[in-house]
Amino acid sequence: MAKVFEDEFTDIQSGMVSLAIEALETAGTKVDTIYIYAFGTAHEGFFNLFFVRDGRLLRNNEVGLSDEILDQVLDLGIDDTFALREVCQKYGRPAPCQYKLVYDCRTGHFDGDYSYDDLSGSEFGSGGAFDNWEKEIAAAL
């Protein structure tokens, strides 16, 4: 059976989650929740993640990821972000610019929030959006 838009779009997002899980396994670390932020336009890509374990927010440097593994994760995540854009173009769909993906490691529940706001030219930028989301999650814990 031929893949459709939803299948390809979901497969790439699943790959992003698998990438994070594999990195954590390499570091010998377990977390409760993985938070993935991706931003992509035709000319800019950004990818970062953070985690929650036992009600505490953990950044990349707090889960034992080596610099080498983290660099690989971030690079592959940016590649996946551009791949999501390509799938949208392939099927004539508008491509979100921002992806906030949440994966609950305990239940396997996945949730995604998408935005079409292009932050490329803003003072705020994709890094600022990531930082604000991280602060929002930390405040809710």
Protein backbone atom coordinates (compact mmCIF):
# COMPACT_ATOMS: atom_id res chain seq x y z
CA MET A 1 0.00 0.00 0.00
CA ALA A 2 1.34 3.42 -0.96
CA LYS A 3 2.22 5.87 1.77
CA VAL A 4 0.09 8.96 2.13
CA PHE A 5 0.97 12.37 3.56
CA GLU A 6 0.00 11.50 7.14
CA ASP A 7 2.14 8.34 7.08
CA GLU A 8 5.26 10.12 5.83
CA PHE A 9 4.77 13.09 8.16
CA THR A 10 4.28 10.82 11.18
CA ASP A 11 7.23 8.60 10.25
CA ILE A 12 9.63 11.56 10.29
CA GLN A 13 8.33 12.76 13.66
CA SER A 14 8.64 9.21 15.02
CA GLY A 15 12.23 9.24 13.79
CA MET A 16 12.88 12.42 15.78
CA VAL A 17 11.61 10.72 18.93
CA SER A 18 13.62 7.57 18.18
CA LEU A 19 16.71 9.71 17.71
CA ALA A 20 16.26 11.17 21.21
CA ILE A 21 15.57 7.76 22.74
CA GLU A 22 18.68 6.24 21.13
CA ALA A 23 20.83 9.12 22.39
CA LEU A 24 19.50 8.65 25.91
CA GLU A 25 20.14 4.89 25.73
CA THR A 26 23.72 5.60 24.61
CA ALA A 27 24.12 7.80 27.69
CA GLY A 28 22.48 5.15 29.90
CA THR A 29 19.81 7.64 30.96
CA LYS A 30 16.07 7.21 31.39
CA VAL A 31 13.57 10.06 31.42
CA ASP A 32 9.82 10.34 31.80
CA THR A 33 9.16 12.80 28.99
CA ILE A 34 11.01 14.03 25.92
CA TYR A 35 10.32 17.53 24.58
CA ILE A 36 11.46 18.25 21.02
CA TYR A 37 11.42 21.68 19.43
CA ALA A 38 12.04 22.01 15.71
CA PHE A 39 11.91 25.05 13.47
CA GLY A 40 12.29 24.98 9.73
CA THR A 41 11.85 27.29 6.77
CA ALA A 42 13.33 27.12 3.31
CA HIS A 43 16.53 28.76 4.61
CA GLU A 44 16.76 28.06 8.32
CA GLY A 45 16.62 25.02 10.56
CA PHE A 46 16.78 24.70 14.33
CA PHE A 47 16.38 21.62 16.52
CA ASN A 48 16.76 21.15 20.26
CA LEU A 49 15.32 19.09 23.05
CA PHE A 50 14.94 18.84 26.79
CA PHE A 51 13.61 16.24 29.18
CA VAL A 52 11.67 15.70 32.38
CA ARG A 53 12.48 13.05 34.96
CA ASP A 54 10.83 12.77 38.37
CA GLY A 55 9.17 16.17 37.96
CA ARG A 56 12.44 17.95 37.18
CA LEU A 57 13.38 19.56 33.88
CA LEU A 58 16.71 18.36 32.51
CA ARG A 59 18.72 19.98 29.75
CA ASN A 60 20.98 18.10 27.36
CA ASN A 61 24.05 18.53 29.56
CA GLU A 62 22.16 17.05 32.53
CA VAL A 63 21.30 13.70 30.94
CA GLY A 64 24.84 12.59 30.18
CA LEU A 65 24.87 13.17 26.42
CA SER A 66 28.41 13.60 25.15
CA ASP A 67 29.13 16.61 22.97
CA GLU A 68 29.66 14.28 20.02
CA ILE A 69 26.32 12.51 20.45
CA LEU A 70 24.51 15.78 21.07
CA ASP A 71 25.99 17.32 17.91
CA GLN A 72 24.84 14.28 15.92
CA VAL A 73 21.34 14.45 17.40
CA LEU A 74 21.00 18.17 16.66
CA ASP A 75 22.32 17.78 13.10
CA LEU A 76 20.05 14.81 12.33
CA GLY A 77 17.12 16.63 13.93
CA ILE A 78 17.65 19.59 11.61
CA ASP A 79 17.77 17.19 8.65
CA ASP A 80 14.45 15.70 9.81
CA THR A 81 12.98 19.19 10.15
CA PHE A 82 13.82 19.93 6.51
CA ALA A 83 12.44 16.50 5.55
CA LEU A 84 9.09 17.43 7.13
CA ARG A 85 9.02 20.53 4.97
CA GLU A 86 9.80 18.47 1.86
CA VAL A 87 6.95 16.04 2.62
CA CYS A 88 4.54 18.95 2.96
CA GLN A 89 5.72 20.36 -0.38
CA LYS A 90 5.48 16.94 -2.03
CA TYR A 91 1.80 16.69 -1.08
CA GLY A 92 0.97 20.36 -1.67
CA ARG A 93 0.38 21.03 2.02
CA PRO A 94 1.41 24.13 3.95
CA ALA A 95 4.51 23.37 6.01
CA PRO A 96 4.53 24.32 9.68
CA CYS A 97 7.55 26.37 10.72
CA GLN A 98 7.50 25.33 14.38
CA TYR A 99 7.03 21.88 15.88
CA LYS A 100 6.63 21.22 19.59
CA LEU A 101 6.68 17.47 20.06
CA VAL A 102 6.11 15.73 23.38
CA TYR A 103 6.71 12.04 23.96
CA ASP A 104 5.76 10.34 27.24
CA CYS A 105 8.27 7.50 27.64
CA ARG A 106 6.15 5.74 30.25
CA THR A 107 2.94 5.51 28.23
CA GLY A 108 4.20 5.89 24.66
CA HIS A 109 1.79 8.82 24.16
CA PHE A 110 2.89 11.33 21.52
CA ASP A 111 1.54 14.84 21.03
CA GLY A 112 2.48 17.52 18.55
CA ASP A 113 1.72 21.22 18.38
CA TYR A 114 2.42 22.99 15.11
CA SER A 115 2.69 26.67 14.20
CA TYR A 116 3.05 28.41 10.87
CA ASP A 117 4.66 31.52 12.36
CA ASP A 118 7.99 32.18 10.65
CA LEU A 119 10.37 33.54 13.27
CA SER A 120 13.31 33.89 10.86
CA GLY A 121 13.31 37.67 10.74
CA SER A 122 12.15 38.31 14.27
CA GLU A 123 14.27 39.50 17.15
CA PHE A 124 12.80 36.62 19.15
CA GLY A 125 13.93 33.84 16.78
CA SER A 126 13.63 30.08 16.98
CA GLY A 127 16.14 29.85 19.83
CA GLY A 128 14.05 32.29 21.85
CA ALA A 129 10.91 30.27 21.13
CA PHE A 130 12.69 27.14 22.36
CA ASP A 131 13.88 28.90 25.53
CA ASN A 132 10.37 30.23 26.25
CA TRP A 133 8.80 26.80 25.77
CA GLU A 134 11.39 25.28 28.11
CA LYS A 135 10.58 27.94 30.75
CA GLU A 136 6.84 27.36 30.29
CA ILE A 137 7.24 23.61 30.90
CA ALA A 138 9.57 24.20 33.88
CA ALA A 139 7.02 26.56 35.47
CA ALA A 140 4.27 23.95 35.06
CA LEU A 141 6.23 21.22 36.86
